[in-house]
ModelCIF file with pLDDT and N, C-alpha, C, O atoms, coordinates in Angstrom:
data_MODEL
#
_entry.id   MODEL 
#
_entity.id                         1 
_entity.type                       polymer 
_entity.pdbx_number_of_molecules   1 
#
_entity_poly.entity_id                      1 
_entity_poly.type                           'polypeptide(L)' 
_entity_poly.nstd_linkage                   no 
_entity_poly.nstd_monomer                   no 
_entity_poly.pdbx_seq_one_letter_code       
;(UNK)(UNK)(UNK)(UNK)(UNK)(UNK)(UNK)(UNK)(UNK)(UNK)(UNK)(UNK)(UNK)(UNK)(UNK)(UNK)
(UNK)(UNK)(UNK)(UNK)(UNK)(UNK)(UNK)(UNK)(UNK)(UNK)(UNK)(UNK)(UNK)(UNK)(UNK)(UNK)
(UNK)(UNK)(UNK)(UNK)(UNK)(UNK)(UNK)(UNK)(UNK)(UNK)(UNK)(UNK)
;
_entity_poly.pdbx_seq_one_letter_code_can   XXXXXXXXXXXXXXXXXXXXXXXXXXXXXXXXXXXXXXXXXXXX 
_entity_poly.pdbx_strand_id                 A 
#
loop_
_entity_poly_seq.entity_id 
_entity_poly_seq.num 
_entity_poly_seq.mon_id 
_entity_poly_seq.hetero 
1 1  UNK n 
1 2  UNK n 
1 3  UNK n 
1 4  UNK n 
1 5  UNK n 
1 6  UNK n 
1 7  UNK n 
1 8  UNK n 
1 9  UNK n 
1 10 UNK n 
1 11 UNK n 
1 12 UNK n 
1 13 UNK n 
1 14 UNK n 
1 15 UNK n 
1 16 UNK n 
1 17 UNK n 
1 18 UNK n 
1 19 UNK n 
1 20 UNK n 
1 21 UNK n 
1 22 UNK n 
1 23 UNK n 
1 24 UNK n 
1 25 UNK n 
1 26 UNK n 
1 27 UNK n 
1 28 UNK n 
1 29 UNK n 
1 30 UNK n 
1 31 UNK n 
1 32 UNK n 
1 33 UNK n 
1 34 UNK n 
1 35 UNK n 
1 36 UNK n 
1 37 UNK n 
1 38 UNK n 
1 39 UNK n 
1 40 UNK n 
1 41 UNK n 
1 42 UNK n 
1 43 UNK n 
1 44 UNK n 
#
_struct_asym.id          A 
_struct_asym.entity_id   1 
#
loop_
_ma_qa_metric.id 
_ma_qa_metric.mode 
_ma_qa_metric.name 
_ma_qa_metric.software_group_id 
_ma_qa_metric.type 
1 global pLDDT . pLDDT 
2 local  pLDDT . pLDDT 
#
_ma_qa_metric_global.metric_id      1 
_ma_qa_metric_global.metric_value   83.68 
_ma_qa_metric_global.model_id       1 
_ma_qa_metric_global.ordinal_id     1 
#
loop_
_ma_qa_metric_local.label_asym_id 
_ma_qa_metric_local.label_comp_id 
_ma_qa_metric_local.label_seq_id 
_ma_qa_metric_local.metric_id 
_ma_qa_metric_local.metric_value 
_ma_qa_metric_local.model_id 
_ma_qa_metric_local.ordinal_id 
A UNK 1  2 97.00 1 1  
A UNK 2  2 97.00 1 2  
A UNK 3  2 96.00 1 3  
A UNK 4  2 96.00 1 4  
A UNK 5  2 96.00 1 5  
A UNK 6  2 95.00 1 6  
A UNK 7  2 95.00 1 7  
A UNK 8  2 94.00 1 8  
A UNK 9  2 95.00 1 9  
A UNK 10 2 96.00 1 10 
A UNK 11 2 96.00 1 11 
A UNK 12 2 95.00 1 12 
A UNK 13 2 94.00 1 13 
A UNK 14 2 93.00 1 14 
A UNK 15 2 93.00 1 15 
A UNK 16 2 95.00 1 16 
A UNK 17 2 94.00 1 17 
A UNK 18 2 90.00 1 18 
A UNK 19 2 84.00 1 19 
A UNK 20 2 75.00 1 20 
A UNK 21 2 65.00 1 21 
A UNK 22 2 53.00 1 22 
A UNK 23 2 46.00 1 23 
A UNK 24 2 45.00 1 24 
A UNK 25 2 51.00 1 25 
A UNK 26 2 57.00 1 26 
A UNK 27 2 66.00 1 27 
A UNK 28 2 74.00 1 28 
A UNK 29 2 78.00 1 29 
A UNK 30 2 82.00 1 30 
A UNK 31 2 81.00 1 31 
A UNK 32 2 81.00 1 32 
A UNK 33 2 77.00 1 33 
A UNK 34 2 83.00 1 34 
A UNK 35 2 86.00 1 35 
A UNK 36 2 83.00 1 36 
A UNK 37 2 82.00 1 37 
A UNK 38 2 87.00 1 38 
A UNK 39 2 89.00 1 39 
A UNK 40 2 85.00 1 40 
A UNK 41 2 88.00 1 41 
A UNK 42 2 89.00 1 42 
A UNK 43 2 93.00 1 43 
A UNK 44 2 95.00 1 44 
#
loop_
_atom_site.group_PDB 
_atom_site.id 
_atom_site.type_symbol 
_atom_site.label_atom_id 
_atom_site.label_alt_id 
_atom_site.label_comp_id 
_atom_site.label_asym_id 
_atom_site.label_entity_id 
_atom_site.label_seq_id 
_atom_site.pdbx_PDB_ins_code 
_atom_site.Cartn_x 
_atom_site.Cartn_y 
_atom_site.Cartn_z 
_atom_site.occupancy 
_atom_site.B_iso_or_equiv 
_atom_site.pdbx_formal_charge 
_atom_site.auth_seq_id 
_atom_site.auth_comp_id 
_atom_site.auth_asym_id 
_atom_site.auth_atom_id 
_atom_site.pdbx_PDB_model_num 
ATOM 1   N N  . UNK A 1 1  ? 0.829  -1.253  0.021  1.00 97.00 ? 1  UNK A N  1 
ATOM 2   C CA . UNK A 1 1  ? 0.064  0.045   0.052  1.00 97.00 ? 1  UNK A CA 1 
ATOM 3   C C  . UNK A 1 1  ? 0.840  1.287   -0.017 1.00 97.00 ? 1  UNK A C  1 
ATOM 4   O O  . UNK A 1 1  ? 0.398  2.280   -0.595 1.00 97.00 ? 1  UNK A O  1 
ATOM 5   N N  . UNK A 1 2  ? 2.017  1.256   0.574  1.00 97.00 ? 2  UNK A N  1 
ATOM 6   C CA . UNK A 1 2  ? 2.855  2.406   0.607  1.00 97.00 ? 2  UNK A CA 1 
ATOM 7   C C  . UNK A 1 2  ? 3.158  2.818   -0.809 1.00 97.00 ? 2  UNK A C  1 
ATOM 8   O O  . UNK A 1 2  ? 3.262  4.026   -1.023 1.00 97.00 ? 2  UNK A O  1 
ATOM 9   N N  . UNK A 1 3  ? 3.298  2.051   -1.709 1.00 96.00 ? 3  UNK A N  1 
ATOM 10  C CA . UNK A 1 3  ? 3.597  2.277   -3.106 1.00 96.00 ? 3  UNK A CA 1 
ATOM 11  C C  . UNK A 1 3  ? 2.521  3.049   -3.795 1.00 96.00 ? 3  UNK A C  1 
ATOM 12  O O  . UNK A 1 3  ? 2.739  3.616   -4.865 1.00 96.00 ? 3  UNK A O  1 
ATOM 13  N N  . UNK A 1 4  ? 1.267  3.079   -3.144 1.00 96.00 ? 4  UNK A N  1 
ATOM 14  C CA . UNK A 1 4  ? 0.132  3.786   -3.718 1.00 96.00 ? 4  UNK A CA 1 
ATOM 15  C C  . UNK A 1 4  ? 0.045  5.187   -3.174 1.00 96.00 ? 4  UNK A C  1 
ATOM 16  O O  . UNK A 1 4  ? -0.696 6.003   -3.722 1.00 96.00 ? 4  UNK A O  1 
ATOM 17  N N  . UNK A 1 5  ? 0.768  5.504   -2.120 1.00 96.00 ? 5  UNK A N  1 
ATOM 18  C CA . UNK A 1 5  ? 0.611  6.828   -1.428 1.00 96.00 ? 5  UNK A CA 1 
ATOM 19  C C  . UNK A 1 5  ? 1.868  7.654   -1.463 1.00 96.00 ? 5  UNK A C  1 
ATOM 20  O O  . UNK A 1 5  ? 1.804  8.867   -1.264 1.00 96.00 ? 5  UNK A O  1 
ATOM 21  N N  . UNK A 1 6  ? 3.041  7.028   -1.715 1.00 95.00 ? 6  UNK A N  1 
ATOM 22  C CA . UNK A 1 6  ? 4.351  7.754   -1.585 1.00 95.00 ? 6  UNK A CA 1 
ATOM 23  C C  . UNK A 1 6  ? 5.081  7.530   -2.937 1.00 95.00 ? 6  UNK A C  1 
ATOM 24  O O  . UNK A 1 6  ? 5.091  6.403   -3.432 1.00 95.00 ? 6  UNK A O  1 
ATOM 25  N N  . UNK A 1 7  ? 5.658  8.520   -3.511 1.00 95.00 ? 7  UNK A N  1 
ATOM 26  C CA . UNK A 1 7  ? 6.631  8.333   -4.606 1.00 95.00 ? 7  UNK A CA 1 
ATOM 27  C C  . UNK A 1 7  ? 7.812  7.352   -4.300 1.00 95.00 ? 7  UNK A C  1 
ATOM 28  O O  . UNK A 1 7  ? 8.343  7.339   -3.190 1.00 95.00 ? 7  UNK A O  1 
ATOM 29  N N  . UNK A 1 8  ? 8.200  6.540   -5.309 1.00 94.00 ? 8  UNK A N  1 
ATOM 30  C CA . UNK A 1 8  ? 9.226  5.545   -5.046 1.00 94.00 ? 8  UNK A CA 1 
ATOM 31  C C  . UNK A 1 8  ? 10.484 6.238   -4.483 1.00 94.00 ? 8  UNK A C  1 
ATOM 32  O O  . UNK A 1 8  ? 11.147 5.658   -3.623 1.00 94.00 ? 8  UNK A O  1 
ATOM 33  N N  . UNK A 1 9  ? 10.825 7.421   -4.924 1.00 95.00 ? 9  UNK A N  1 
ATOM 34  C CA . UNK A 1 9  ? 12.092 8.051   -4.500 1.00 95.00 ? 9  UNK A CA 1 
ATOM 35  C C  . UNK A 1 9  ? 12.110 8.455   -2.995 1.00 95.00 ? 9  UNK A C  1 
ATOM 36  O O  . UNK A 1 9  ? 13.156 8.794   -2.442 1.00 95.00 ? 9  UNK A O  1 
ATOM 37  N N  . UNK A 1 10 ? 10.887 8.405   -2.345 1.00 96.00 ? 10 UNK A N  1 
ATOM 38  C CA . UNK A 1 10 ? 10.879 8.721   -0.932 1.00 96.00 ? 10 UNK A CA 1 
ATOM 39  C C  . UNK A 1 10 ? 10.789 7.494   -0.056 1.00 96.00 ? 10 UNK A C  1 
ATOM 40  O O  . UNK A 1 10 ? 10.555 7.557   1.151  1.00 96.00 ? 10 UNK A O  1 
ATOM 41  N N  . UNK A 1 11 ? 10.991 6.354   -0.741 1.00 96.00 ? 11 UNK A N  1 
ATOM 42  C CA . UNK A 1 11 ? 10.870 5.063   0.003  1.00 96.00 ? 11 UNK A CA 1 
ATOM 43  C C  . UNK A 1 11 ? 12.347 4.456   0.115  1.00 96.00 ? 11 UNK A C  1 
ATOM 44  O O  . UNK A 1 11 ? 12.991 4.170   -0.894 1.00 96.00 ? 11 UNK A O  1 
ATOM 45  N N  . UNK A 1 12 ? 12.785 4.297   1.276  1.00 95.00 ? 12 UNK A N  1 
ATOM 46  C CA . UNK A 1 12 ? 14.064 3.571   1.628  1.00 95.00 ? 12 UNK A CA 1 
ATOM 47  C C  . UNK A 1 12 ? 13.680 2.175   1.898  1.00 95.00 ? 12 UNK A C  1 
ATOM 48  O O  . UNK A 1 12 ? 13.215 1.836   2.985  1.00 95.00 ? 12 UNK A O  1 
ATOM 49  N N  . UNK A 1 13 ? 13.890 1.291   0.828  1.00 94.00 ? 13 UNK A N  1 
ATOM 50  C CA . UNK A 1 13 ? 13.450 -0.070  0.954  1.00 94.00 ? 13 UNK A CA 1 
ATOM 51  C C  . UNK A 1 13 ? 14.402 -0.928  1.912  1.00 94.00 ? 13 UNK A C  1 
ATOM 52  O O  . UNK A 1 13 ? 15.114 -1.845  1.504  1.00 94.00 ? 13 UNK A O  1 
ATOM 53  N N  . UNK A 1 14 ? 14.326 -0.549  3.105  1.00 93.00 ? 14 UNK A N  1 
ATOM 54  C CA . UNK A 1 14 ? 15.180 -1.292  4.100  1.00 93.00 ? 14 UNK A CA 1 
ATOM 55  C C  . UNK A 1 14 ? 14.502 -0.974  5.548  1.00 93.00 ? 14 UNK A C  1 
ATOM 56  O O  . UNK A 1 14 ? 13.801 0.019   5.744  1.00 93.00 ? 14 UNK A O  1 
ATOM 57  N N  . UNK A 1 15 ? 14.782 -1.868  6.448  1.00 93.00 ? 15 UNK A N  1 
ATOM 58  C CA . UNK A 1 15 ? 14.293 -1.659  7.825  1.00 93.00 ? 15 UNK A CA 1 
ATOM 59  C C  . UNK A 1 15 ? 15.412 -1.051  8.633  1.00 93.00 ? 15 UNK A C  1 
ATOM 60  O O  . UNK A 1 15 ? 16.595 -1.291  8.395  1.00 93.00 ? 15 UNK A O  1 
ATOM 61  N N  . UNK A 1 16 ? 15.007 -0.276  9.570  1.00 95.00 ? 16 UNK A N  1 
ATOM 62  C CA . UNK A 1 16 ? 15.966 0.413   10.534 1.00 95.00 ? 16 UNK A CA 1 
ATOM 63  C C  . UNK A 1 16 ? 16.100 -0.557  11.803 1.00 95.00 ? 16 UNK A C  1 
ATOM 64  O O  . UNK A 1 16 ? 16.665 -0.152  12.819 1.00 95.00 ? 16 UNK A O  1 
ATOM 65  N N  . UNK A 1 17 ? 15.631 -1.690  11.725 1.00 94.00 ? 17 UNK A N  1 
ATOM 66  C CA . UNK A 1 17 ? 15.729 -2.739  12.846 1.00 94.00 ? 17 UNK A CA 1 
ATOM 67  C C  . UNK A 1 17 ? 16.632 -3.802  12.372 1.00 94.00 ? 17 UNK A C  1 
ATOM 68  O O  . UNK A 1 17 ? 16.397 -4.470  11.365 1.00 94.00 ? 17 UNK A O  1 
ATOM 69  N N  . UNK A 1 18 ? 17.710 -3.949  13.150 1.00 90.00 ? 18 UNK A N  1 
ATOM 70  C CA . UNK A 1 18 ? 18.725 -4.978  12.638 1.00 90.00 ? 18 UNK A CA 1 
ATOM 71  C C  . UNK A 1 18 ? 18.297 -6.404  13.163 1.00 90.00 ? 18 UNK A C  1 
ATOM 72  O O  . UNK A 1 18 ? 18.184 -6.657  14.363 1.00 90.00 ? 18 UNK A O  1 
ATOM 73  N N  . UNK A 1 19 ? 18.085 -7.249  12.219 1.00 84.00 ? 19 UNK A N  1 
ATOM 74  C CA . UNK A 1 19 ? 17.767 -8.574  12.393 1.00 84.00 ? 19 UNK A CA 1 
ATOM 75  C C  . UNK A 1 19 ? 18.500 -9.483  11.401 1.00 84.00 ? 19 UNK A C  1 
ATOM 76  O O  . UNK A 1 19 ? 18.763 -9.014  10.293 1.00 84.00 ? 19 UNK A O  1 
ATOM 77  N N  . UNK A 1 20 ? 18.841 -10.697 11.686 1.00 75.00 ? 20 UNK A N  1 
ATOM 78  C CA . UNK A 1 20 ? 19.506 -11.571 10.842 1.00 75.00 ? 20 UNK A CA 1 
ATOM 79  C C  . UNK A 1 20 ? 18.884 -12.879 10.949 1.00 75.00 ? 20 UNK A C  1 
ATOM 80  O O  . UNK A 1 20 ? 18.361 -13.255 11.998 1.00 75.00 ? 20 UNK A O  1 
ATOM 81  N N  . UNK A 1 21 ? 18.930 -13.659 9.779  1.00 65.00 ? 21 UNK A N  1 
ATOM 82  C CA . UNK A 1 21 ? 18.341 -14.901 9.748  1.00 65.00 ? 21 UNK A CA 1 
ATOM 83  C C  . UNK A 1 21 ? 19.426 -15.989 9.438  1.00 65.00 ? 21 UNK A C  1 
ATOM 84  O O  . UNK A 1 21 ? 20.340 -15.675 8.675  1.00 65.00 ? 21 UNK A O  1 
ATOM 85  N N  . UNK A 1 22 ? 19.389 -17.155 9.939  1.00 53.00 ? 22 UNK A N  1 
ATOM 86  C CA . UNK A 1 22 ? 20.321 -18.237 9.629  1.00 53.00 ? 22 UNK A CA 1 
ATOM 87  C C  . UNK A 1 22 ? 20.004 -18.789 8.279  1.00 53.00 ? 22 UNK A C  1 
ATOM 88  O O  . UNK A 1 22 ? 18.957 -18.437 7.735  1.00 53.00 ? 22 UNK A O  1 
ATOM 89  N N  . UNK A 1 23 ? 20.824 -19.630 7.687  1.00 46.00 ? 23 UNK A N  1 
ATOM 90  C CA . UNK A 1 23 ? 20.586 -20.235 6.431  1.00 46.00 ? 23 UNK A CA 1 
ATOM 91  C C  . UNK A 1 23 ? 19.480 -21.115 6.468  1.00 46.00 ? 23 UNK A C  1 
ATOM 92  O O  . UNK A 1 23 ? 19.073 -21.591 5.408  1.00 46.00 ? 23 UNK A O  1 
ATOM 93  N N  . UNK A 1 24 ? 18.924 -21.403 7.572  1.00 45.00 ? 24 UNK A N  1 
ATOM 94  C CA . UNK A 1 24 ? 17.745 -22.225 7.742  1.00 45.00 ? 24 UNK A CA 1 
ATOM 95  C C  . UNK A 1 24 ? 16.478 -21.355 7.936  1.00 45.00 ? 24 UNK A C  1 
ATOM 96  O O  . UNK A 1 24 ? 15.408 -21.891 8.226  1.00 45.00 ? 24 UNK A O  1 
ATOM 97  N N  . UNK A 1 25 ? 16.585 -20.098 7.786  1.00 51.00 ? 25 UNK A N  1 
ATOM 98  C CA . UNK A 1 25 ? 15.476 -19.231 7.834  1.00 51.00 ? 25 UNK A CA 1 
ATOM 99  C C  . UNK A 1 25 ? 15.032 -18.951 9.252  1.00 51.00 ? 25 UNK A C  1 
ATOM 100 O O  . UNK A 1 25 ? 13.881 -18.542 9.407  1.00 51.00 ? 25 UNK A O  1 
ATOM 101 N N  . UNK A 1 26 ? 15.817 -19.127 10.311 1.00 57.00 ? 26 UNK A N  1 
ATOM 102 C CA . UNK A 1 26 ? 15.398 -18.917 11.741 1.00 57.00 ? 26 UNK A CA 1 
ATOM 103 C C  . UNK A 1 26 ? 16.034 -17.565 12.085 1.00 57.00 ? 26 UNK A C  1 
ATOM 104 O O  . UNK A 1 26 ? 17.117 -17.246 11.594 1.00 57.00 ? 26 UNK A O  1 
ATOM 105 N N  . UNK A 1 27 ? 15.369 -16.777 12.921 1.00 66.00 ? 27 UNK A N  1 
ATOM 106 C CA . UNK A 1 27 ? 15.964 -15.528 13.408 1.00 66.00 ? 27 UNK A CA 1 
ATOM 107 C C  . UNK A 1 27 ? 17.039 -15.726 14.372 1.00 66.00 ? 27 UNK A C  1 
ATOM 108 O O  . UNK A 1 27 ? 16.880 -16.502 15.315 1.00 66.00 ? 27 UNK A O  1 
ATOM 109 N N  . UNK A 1 28 ? 18.248 -15.003 14.180 1.00 74.00 ? 28 UNK A N  1 
ATOM 110 C CA . UNK A 1 28 ? 19.331 -15.153 15.100 1.00 74.00 ? 28 UNK A CA 1 
ATOM 111 C C  . UNK A 1 28 ? 19.101 -14.318 16.301 1.00 74.00 ? 28 UNK A C  1 
ATOM 112 O O  . UNK A 1 28 ? 18.706 -13.155 16.215 1.00 74.00 ? 28 UNK A O  1 
ATOM 113 N N  . UNK A 1 29 ? 19.370 -14.965 17.512 1.00 78.00 ? 29 UNK A N  1 
ATOM 114 C CA . UNK A 1 29 ? 19.107 -14.327 18.704 1.00 78.00 ? 29 UNK A CA 1 
ATOM 115 C C  . UNK A 1 29 ? 20.419 -13.806 19.316 1.00 78.00 ? 29 UNK A C  1 
ATOM 116 O O  . UNK A 1 29 ? 21.450 -14.477 19.297 1.00 78.00 ? 29 UNK A O  1 
ATOM 117 N N  . UNK A 1 30 ? 20.331 -12.532 19.880 1.00 82.00 ? 30 UNK A N  1 
ATOM 118 C CA . UNK A 1 30 ? 21.556 -11.867 20.390 1.00 82.00 ? 30 UNK A CA 1 
ATOM 119 C C  . UNK A 1 30 ? 21.669 -12.018 21.983 1.00 82.00 ? 30 UNK A C  1 
ATOM 120 O O  . UNK A 1 30 ? 20.718 -11.983 22.764 1.00 82.00 ? 30 UNK A O  1 
ATOM 121 N N  . UNK A 1 31 ? 22.929 -12.181 22.286 1.00 81.00 ? 31 UNK A N  1 
ATOM 122 C CA . UNK A 1 31 ? 23.221 -12.354 23.753 1.00 81.00 ? 31 UNK A CA 1 
ATOM 123 C C  . UNK A 1 31 ? 24.274 -11.377 24.336 1.00 81.00 ? 31 UNK A C  1 
ATOM 124 O O  . UNK A 1 31 ? 24.735 -10.466 23.647 1.00 81.00 ? 31 UNK A O  1 
ATOM 125 N N  . UNK A 1 32 ? 24.615 -11.570 25.520 1.00 81.00 ? 32 UNK A N  1 
ATOM 126 C CA . UNK A 1 32 ? 25.392 -10.516 26.300 1.00 81.00 ? 32 UNK A CA 1 
ATOM 127 C C  . UNK A 1 32 ? 26.645 -10.098 25.459 1.00 81.00 ? 32 UNK A C  1 
ATOM 128 O O  . UNK A 1 32 ? 26.968 -8.912  25.378 1.00 81.00 ? 32 UNK A O  1 
ATOM 129 N N  . UNK A 1 33 ? 27.317 -11.057 24.860 1.00 77.00 ? 33 UNK A N  1 
ATOM 130 C CA . UNK A 1 33 ? 28.614 -10.677 24.154 1.00 77.00 ? 33 UNK A CA 1 
ATOM 131 C C  . UNK A 1 33 ? 28.371 -10.040 22.820 1.00 77.00 ? 33 UNK A C  1 
ATOM 132 O O  . UNK A 1 33 ? 29.354 -9.818  22.113 1.00 77.00 ? 33 UNK A O  1 
ATOM 133 N N  . UNK A 1 34 ? 27.138 -9.711  22.383 1.00 83.00 ? 34 UNK A N  1 
ATOM 134 C CA . UNK A 1 34 ? 26.914 -9.080  21.140 1.00 83.00 ? 34 UNK A CA 1 
ATOM 135 C C  . UNK A 1 34 ? 26.887 -7.534  21.152 1.00 83.00 ? 34 UNK A C  1 
ATOM 136 O O  . UNK A 1 34 ? 26.722 -6.888  20.118 1.00 83.00 ? 34 UNK A O  1 
ATOM 137 N N  . UNK A 1 35 ? 27.061 -6.951  22.411 1.00 86.00 ? 35 UNK A N  1 
ATOM 138 C CA . UNK A 1 35 ? 26.841 -5.525  22.579 1.00 86.00 ? 35 UNK A CA 1 
ATOM 139 C C  . UNK A 1 35 ? 27.608 -4.715  21.630 1.00 86.00 ? 35 UNK A C  1 
ATOM 140 O O  . UNK A 1 35 ? 27.049 -3.853  20.951 1.00 86.00 ? 35 UNK A O  1 
ATOM 141 N N  . UNK A 1 36 ? 28.968 -4.973  21.547 1.00 83.00 ? 36 UNK A N  1 
ATOM 142 C CA . UNK A 1 36 ? 29.851 -4.077  20.707 1.00 83.00 ? 36 UNK A CA 1 
ATOM 143 C C  . UNK A 1 36 ? 29.489 -4.245  19.299 1.00 83.00 ? 36 UNK A C  1 
ATOM 144 O O  . UNK A 1 36 ? 29.477 -3.248  18.576 1.00 83.00 ? 36 UNK A O  1 
ATOM 145 N N  . UNK A 1 37 ? 29.180 -5.446  18.814 1.00 82.00 ? 37 UNK A N  1 
ATOM 146 C CA . UNK A 1 37 ? 28.807 -5.596  17.447 1.00 82.00 ? 37 UNK A CA 1 
ATOM 147 C C  . UNK A 1 37 ? 27.532 -4.918  17.039 1.00 82.00 ? 37 UNK A C  1 
ATOM 148 O O  . UNK A 1 37 ? 27.384 -4.392  15.936 1.00 82.00 ? 37 UNK A O  1 
ATOM 149 N N  . UNK A 1 38 ? 26.528 -4.958  18.074 1.00 87.00 ? 38 UNK A N  1 
ATOM 150 C CA . UNK A 1 38 ? 25.237 -4.374  17.712 1.00 87.00 ? 38 UNK A CA 1 
ATOM 151 C C  . UNK A 1 38 ? 25.196 -2.849  17.634 1.00 87.00 ? 38 UNK A C  1 
ATOM 152 O O  . UNK A 1 38 ? 24.471 -2.277  16.821 1.00 87.00 ? 38 UNK A O  1 
ATOM 153 N N  . UNK A 1 39 ? 25.969 -2.215  18.473 1.00 89.00 ? 39 UNK A N  1 
ATOM 154 C CA . UNK A 1 39 ? 25.960 -0.668  18.507 1.00 89.00 ? 39 UNK A CA 1 
ATOM 155 C C  . UNK A 1 39 ? 26.703 -0.138  17.224 1.00 89.00 ? 39 UNK A C  1 
ATOM 156 O O  . UNK A 1 39 ? 26.490 1.010   16.832 1.00 89.00 ? 39 UNK A O  1 
ATOM 157 N N  . UNK A 1 40 ? 27.518 -0.925  16.614 1.00 85.00 ? 40 UNK A N  1 
ATOM 158 C CA . UNK A 1 40 ? 28.197 -0.461  15.426 1.00 85.00 ? 40 UNK A CA 1 
ATOM 159 C C  . UNK A 1 40 ? 27.493 -0.746  14.168 1.00 85.00 ? 40 UNK A C  1 
ATOM 160 O O  . UNK A 1 40 ? 28.032 -0.478  13.095 1.00 85.00 ? 40 UNK A O  1 
ATOM 161 N N  . UNK A 1 41 ? 26.303 -1.281  14.232 1.00 88.00 ? 41 UNK A N  1 
ATOM 162 C CA . UNK A 1 41 ? 25.575 -1.469  13.040 1.00 88.00 ? 41 UNK A CA 1 
ATOM 163 C C  . UNK A 1 41 ? 24.841 -0.270  12.566 1.00 88.00 ? 41 UNK A C  1 
ATOM 164 O O  . UNK A 1 41 ? 24.526 0.596   13.383 1.00 88.00 ? 41 UNK A O  1 
ATOM 165 N N  . UNK A 1 42 ? 24.540 -0.152  11.296 1.00 89.00 ? 42 UNK A N  1 
ATOM 166 C CA . UNK A 1 42 ? 23.796 1.013   10.722 1.00 89.00 ? 42 UNK A CA 1 
ATOM 167 C C  . UNK A 1 42 ? 22.347 0.827   10.777 1.00 89.00 ? 42 UNK A C  1 
ATOM 168 O O  . UNK A 1 42 ? 21.638 0.915   9.774  1.00 89.00 ? 42 UNK A O  1 
ATOM 169 N N  . UNK A 1 43 ? 21.889 0.560   12.002 1.00 93.00 ? 43 UNK A N  1 
ATOM 170 C CA . UNK A 1 43 ? 20.517 0.414   12.445 1.00 93.00 ? 43 UNK A CA 1 
ATOM 171 C C  . UNK A 1 43 ? 20.244 1.110   13.686 1.00 93.00 ? 43 UNK A C  1 
ATOM 172 O O  . UNK A 1 43 ? 21.174 1.459   14.413 1.00 93.00 ? 43 UNK A O  1 
ATOM 173 N N  . UNK A 1 44 ? 18.972 1.346   13.992 1.00 95.00 ? 44 UNK A N  1 
ATOM 174 C CA . UNK A 1 44 ? 18.503 2.029   15.299 1.00 95.00 ? 44 UNK A CA 1 
ATOM 175 C C  . UNK A 1 44 ? 18.020 1.114   16.304 1.00 95.00 ? 44 UNK A C  1 
ATOM 176 O O  . UNK A 1 44 ? 17.620 1.541   17.387 1.00 95.00 ? 44 UNK A O  1 
#
């Protein structure tokens, strides 16, 4: 629906939420030792 109300040039086709999936399609879970890696990602 967003394509019906907003010009394509105003749509950044990416999420600002950092999530990764394994090669089996399952979401990767983050633990205590992931802090430094997480804050350096280009996500909010």
